[in-house]
Amino acid sequence: MTHALLVLKSIHIVGVISWMAGLLYLLRLYVYHRAETEDVVMERFRVMERRLWRAITVPAAWIATLSGLIMIGMLPCFYLPQGWLTLKLVLAAALLVVHFQAGHYRKRFLEPPFPLTERRFRYLNEVPTGLMIGIVLLVEFQPAWWTWGGC
């Protein structure tokens, strides 16, 4: 593996870790925000959610996504025929859907009526964890049961 690819892979891993931390914390804040009734505390949650979204979650999602796509672009004939990567990309796309959904809910928390119930937010908070587990298992084991032709 070239030095540039190793640097890019390291950037990708740091981006994914930061993205997951931001997304998981943001969704947990939604659970607490939805349960809150005091205006002062709800405003504090809005500030925390906005800062977390803008300063960590969104930039980390960009870093993770772009670095991953650049790695594939550097060695497409190596990566693309591998079926595990195709499935990983499907799970990563699902993670992006959760990401954009979280951003949508952040905007909805600005004015009542609030989205979802506290319980639904608790369930939604588990979705990124399940996707992350699937992605990590695919990357670590790289099952060879499904491959495409070659380049």
C-alpha atoms as a PDB file:
ATOM      1  CA  MET A   1       0.000   0.000   0.000  1.00  0.00           C
ATOM      2  CA  THR A   2       1.378   3.414  -0.875  1.00  0.00           C
ATOM      3  CA  HIS A   3       2.160   6.045   1.724  1.00  0.00           C
ATOM      4  CA  ALA A   4      -0.556   8.345   0.327  1.00  0.00           C
ATOM      5  CA  LEU A   5      -3.177   5.602   0.582  1.00  0.00           C
ATOM      6  CA  LEU A   6      -2.209   4.874   4.196  1.00  0.00           C
ATOM      7  CA  VAL A   7      -2.508   8.570   5.077  1.00  0.00           C
ATOM      8  CA  LEU A   8      -5.879   8.728   3.341  1.00  0.00           C
ATOM      9  CA  LYS A   9      -7.060   5.588   5.142  1.00  0.00           C
ATOM     10  CA  SER A  10      -6.034   7.136   8.472  1.00  0.00           C
ATOM     11  CA  ILE A  11      -7.944  10.318   7.644  1.00  0.00           C
ATOM     12  CA  HIS A  12     -10.953   8.178   6.705  1.00  0.00           C
ATOM     13  CA  ILE A  13     -10.861   6.280  10.005  1.00  0.00           C
ATOM     14  CA  VAL A  14     -10.578   9.481  12.061  1.00  0.00           C
ATOM     15  CA  GLY A  15     -13.429  10.995  10.033  1.00  0.00           C
ATOM     16  CA  VAL A  16     -15.647   7.964  10.607  1.00  0.00           C
ATOM     17  CA  ILE A  17     -14.925   7.905  14.348  1.00  0.00           C
ATOM     18  CA  SER A  18     -15.698  11.629  14.653  1.00  0.00           C
ATOM     19  CA  TRP A  19     -18.822  11.319  12.511  1.00  0.00           C
ATOM     20  CA  MET A  20     -20.162   8.425  14.562  1.00  0.00           C
ATOM     21  CA  ALA A  21     -19.406  10.239  17.831  1.00  0.00           C
ATOM     22  CA  GLY A  22     -21.239  13.346  16.621  1.00  0.00           C
ATOM     23  CA  LEU A  23     -24.196  11.436  15.209  1.00  0.00           C
ATOM     24  CA  LEU A  24     -24.653   9.209  18.251  1.00  0.00           C
ATOM     25  CA  TYR A  25     -24.381  12.125  20.673  1.00  0.00           C
ATOM     26  CA  LEU A  26     -26.727  14.283  18.589  1.00  0.00           C
ATOM     27  CA  LEU A  27     -29.402  11.608  18.524  1.00  0.00           C
ATOM     28  CA  ARG A  28     -29.020  11.106  22.285  1.00  0.00           C
ATOM     29  CA  LEU A  29     -29.447  14.862  22.778  1.00  0.00           C
ATOM     30  CA  TYR A  30     -32.711  14.582  20.825  1.00  0.00           C
ATOM     31  CA  VAL A  31     -33.946  11.980  23.318  1.00  0.00           C
ATOM     32  CA  TYR A  32     -33.289  14.358  26.221  1.00  0.00           C
ATOM     33  CA  HIS A  33     -34.531  17.406  24.308  1.00  0.00           C
ATOM     34  CA  ARG A  34     -37.827  15.699  23.492  1.00  0.00           C
ATOM     35  CA  ALA A  35     -38.370  14.799  27.156  1.00  0.00           C
ATOM     36  CA  GLU A  36     -37.669  18.353  28.370  1.00  0.00           C
ATOM     37  CA  THR A  37     -40.424  20.850  29.211  1.00  0.00           C
ATOM     38  CA  GLU A  38     -38.568  23.956  30.466  1.00  0.00           C
ATOM     39  CA  ASP A  39     -37.928  26.608  27.824  1.00  0.00           C
ATOM     40  CA  VAL A  40     -34.497  27.576  29.180  1.00  0.00           C
ATOM     41  CA  VAL A  41     -33.257  23.986  29.080  1.00  0.00           C
ATOM     42  CA  MET A  42     -34.775  23.410  25.640  1.00  0.00           C
ATOM     43  CA  GLU A  43     -32.938  26.455  24.328  1.00  0.00           C
ATOM     44  CA  ARG A  44     -29.698  25.101  25.796  1.00  0.00           C
ATOM     45  CA  PHE A  45     -30.314  21.835  23.918  1.00  0.00           C
ATOM     46  CA  ARG A  46     -30.873  23.760  20.681  1.00  0.00           C
ATOM     47  CA  VAL A  47     -27.513  25.522  21.097  1.00  0.00           C
ATOM     48  CA  MET A  48     -25.718  22.255  21.907  1.00  0.00           C
ATOM     49  CA  GLU A  49     -27.334  20.487  18.943  1.00  0.00           C
ATOM     50  CA  ARG A  50     -26.480  23.310  16.529  1.00  0.00           C
ATOM     51  CA  ARG A  51     -22.830  23.446  17.621  1.00  0.00           C
ATOM     52  CA  LEU A  52     -22.410  19.675  17.524  1.00  0.00           C
ATOM     53  CA  TRP A  53     -24.029  19.470  14.088  1.00  0.00           C
ATOM     54  CA  ARG A  54     -22.033  22.312  12.515  1.00  0.00           C
ATOM     55  CA  ALA A  55     -18.655  21.870  14.206  1.00  0.00           C
ATOM     56  CA  ILE A  56     -18.302  18.081  14.364  1.00  0.00           C
ATOM     57  CA  THR A  57     -20.985  15.967  12.722  1.00  0.00           C
ATOM     58  CA  VAL A  58     -21.224  17.606   9.290  1.00  0.00           C
ATOM     59  CA  PRO A  59     -17.470  18.216   8.756  1.00  0.00           C
ATOM     60  CA  ALA A  60     -16.659  14.666   9.916  1.00  0.00           C
ATOM     61  CA  ALA A  61     -19.281  13.217   7.537  1.00  0.00           C
ATOM     62  CA  TRP A  62     -17.661  15.126   4.668  1.00  0.00           C
ATOM     63  CA  ILE A  63     -14.182  13.942   5.638  1.00  0.00           C
ATOM     64  CA  ALA A  64     -15.284  10.311   5.965  1.00  0.00           C
ATOM     65  CA  THR A  65     -17.256  10.318   2.718  1.00  0.00           C
ATOM     66  CA  LEU A  66     -14.731  12.163   0.573  1.00  0.00           C
ATOM     67  CA  SER A  67     -11.702  10.256   1.853  1.00  0.00           C
ATOM     68  CA  GLY A  68     -13.517   6.950   1.236  1.00  0.00           C
ATOM     69  CA  LEU A  69     -14.476   7.934  -2.293  1.00  0.00           C
ATOM     70  CA  ILE A  70     -10.946   9.157  -3.031  1.00  0.00           C
ATOM     71  CA  MET A  71      -9.513   5.818  -1.847  1.00  0.00           C
ATOM     72  CA  ILE A  72     -11.866   3.961  -4.186  1.00  0.00           C
ATOM     73  CA  GLY A  73     -10.918   6.368  -6.972  1.00  0.00           C
ATOM     74  CA  MET A  74      -7.217   5.725  -6.419  1.00  0.00           C
ATOM     75  CA  LEU A  75      -7.560   1.944  -6.868  1.00  0.00           C
ATOM     76  CA  PRO A  76     -10.936   1.268  -8.510  1.00  0.00           C
ATOM     77  CA  CYS A  77      -9.866  -2.042 -10.060  1.00  0.00           C
ATOM     78  CA  PHE A  78      -8.806  -3.267  -6.608  1.00  0.00           C
ATOM     79  CA  TYR A  79     -11.787  -2.071  -4.573  1.00  0.00           C
ATOM     80  CA  LEU A  80     -14.830  -2.127  -6.862  1.00  0.00           C
ATOM     81  CA  PRO A  81     -14.832  -5.858  -7.749  1.00  0.00           C
ATOM     82  CA  GLN A  82     -15.012  -6.744  -4.060  1.00  0.00           C
ATOM     83  CA  GLY A  83     -18.602  -7.485  -3.065  1.00  0.00           C
ATOM     84  CA  TRP A  84     -18.028  -6.668   0.594  1.00  0.00           C
ATOM     85  CA  LEU A  85     -17.246  -3.089  -0.401  1.00  0.00           C
ATOM     86  CA  THR A  86     -20.501  -2.827  -2.342  1.00  0.00           C
ATOM     87  CA  LEU A  87     -22.428  -3.902   0.738  1.00  0.00           C
ATOM     88  CA  LYS A  88     -20.350  -1.540   2.900  1.00  0.00           C
ATOM     89  CA  LEU A  89     -21.258   1.335   0.574  1.00  0.00           C
ATOM     90  CA  VAL A  90     -24.958   0.420   0.864  1.00  0.00           C
ATOM     91  CA  LEU A  91     -24.678   0.537   4.672  1.00  0.00           C
ATOM     92  CA  ALA A  92     -22.720   3.812   4.455  1.00  0.00           C
ATOM     93  CA  ALA A  93     -25.482   5.254   2.244  1.00  0.00           C
ATOM     94  CA  ALA A  94     -28.009   4.212   4.914  1.00  0.00           C
ATOM     95  CA  LEU A  95     -25.837   5.991   7.480  1.00  0.00           C
ATOM     96  CA  LEU A  96     -25.961   9.116   5.316  1.00  0.00           C
ATOM     97  CA  VAL A  97     -29.771   8.850   5.268  1.00  0.00           C
ATOM     98  CA  VAL A  98     -29.776   8.764   9.091  1.00  0.00           C
ATOM     99  CA  HIS A  99     -27.348  11.720   9.068  1.00  0.00           C
ATOM    100  CA  PHE A 100     -29.635  13.856   6.873  1.00  0.00           C
ATOM    101  CA  GLN A 101     -32.661  12.764   8.888  1.00  0.00           C
ATOM    102  CA  ALA A 102     -30.894  13.936  12.066  1.00  0.00           C
ATOM    103  CA  GLY A 103     -30.254  17.309  10.408  1.00  0.00           C
ATOM    104  CA  HIS A 104     -33.918  17.530   9.451  1.00  0.00           C
ATOM    105  CA  TYR A 105     -34.979  16.799  13.036  1.00  0.00           C
ATOM    106  CA  ARG A 106     -32.591  19.465  14.344  1.00  0.00           C
ATOM    107  CA  LYS A 107     -34.475  22.053  12.303  1.00  0.00           C
ATOM    108  CA  ARG A 108     -37.818  20.671  13.457  1.00  0.00           C
ATOM    109  CA  PHE A 109     -36.789  21.140  17.097  1.00  0.00           C
ATOM    110  CA  LEU A 110     -36.647  24.907  16.541  1.00  0.00           C
ATOM    111  CA  GLU A 111     -40.444  25.272  16.684  1.00  0.00           C
ATOM    112  CA  PRO A 112     -43.244  23.080  18.053  1.00  0.00           C
ATOM    113  CA  PRO A 113     -44.740  20.643  17.239  1.00  0.00           C
ATOM    114  CA  PHE A 114     -41.676  18.529  17.857  1.00  0.00           C
ATOM    115  CA  PRO A 115     -40.833  15.520  15.721  1.00  0.00           C
ATOM    116  CA  LEU A 116     -41.254  11.982  16.992  1.00  0.00           C
ATOM    117  CA  THR A 117     -41.669  10.871  20.574  1.00  0.00           C
ATOM    118  CA  GLU A 118     -38.900  10.374  23.099  1.00  0.00           C
ATOM    119  CA  ARG A 119     -39.262   6.614  22.645  1.00  0.00           C
ATOM    120  CA  ARG A 120     -38.939   6.838  18.831  1.00  0.00           C
ATOM    121  CA  PHE A 121     -35.780   8.913  19.246  1.00  0.00           C
ATOM    122  CA  ARG A 122     -34.406   6.194  21.533  1.00  0.00           C
ATOM    123  CA  TYR A 123     -34.952   3.634  18.771  1.00  0.00           C
ATOM    124  CA  LEU A 124     -33.508   5.939  16.117  1.00  0.00           C
ATOM    125  CA  ASN A 125     -30.418   6.368  18.311  1.00  0.00           C
ATOM    126  CA  GLU A 126     -29.668   2.645  17.869  1.00  0.00           C
ATOM    127  CA  VAL A 127     -29.771   2.646  14.052  1.00  0.00           C
ATOM    128  CA  PRO A 128     -26.305   4.191  13.480  1.00  0.00           C
ATOM    129  CA  THR A 129     -24.809   1.711  15.944  1.00  0.00           C
ATOM    130  CA  GLY A 130     -26.213  -1.242  14.009  1.00  0.00           C
ATOM    131  CA  LEU A 131     -24.995   0.198  10.707  1.00  0.00           C
ATOM    132  CA  MET A 132     -21.562   0.843  12.198  1.00  0.00           C
ATOM    133  CA  ILE A 133     -21.296  -2.745  13.460  1.00  0.00           C
ATOM    134  CA  GLY A 134     -22.202  -4.072  10.015  1.00  0.00           C
ATOM    135  CA  ILE A 135     -19.661  -1.806   8.312  1.00  0.00           C
ATOM    136  CA  VAL A 136     -16.851  -2.708  10.721  1.00  0.00           C
ATOM    137  CA  LEU A 137     -17.517  -6.440  10.327  1.00  0.00           C
ATOM    138  CA  LEU A 138     -17.490  -6.147   6.533  1.00  0.00           C
ATOM    139  CA  VAL A 139     -14.246  -4.177   6.503  1.00  0.00           C
ATOM    140  CA  GLU A 140     -12.518  -6.441   9.000  1.00  0.00           C
ATOM    141  CA  PHE A 141     -13.531  -9.812   7.544  1.00  0.00           C
ATOM    142  CA  GLN A 142     -13.926  -8.794   3.884  1.00  0.00           C
ATOM    143  CA  PRO A 143     -16.029 -11.841   3.022  1.00  0.00           C
ATOM    144  CA  ALA A 144     -15.209 -13.205  -0.417  1.00  0.00           C
ATOM    145  CA  TRP A 145     -18.611 -14.810  -1.033  1.00  0.00           C
ATOM    146  CA  TRP A 146     -19.496 -12.146  -3.536  1.00  0.00           C
ATOM    147  CA  THR A 147     -17.193 -10.562  -6.094  1.00  0.00           C
ATOM    148  CA  TRP A 148     -17.659  -8.755  -9.370  1.00  0.00           C
ATOM    149  CA  GLY A 149     -15.652  -9.453 -12.505  1.00  0.00           C
ATOM    150  CA  GLY A 150     -12.477  -7.401 -12.784  1.00  0.00           C
ATOM    151  CA  CYS A 151     -11.593  -4.141 -14.446  1.00  0.00           C
END
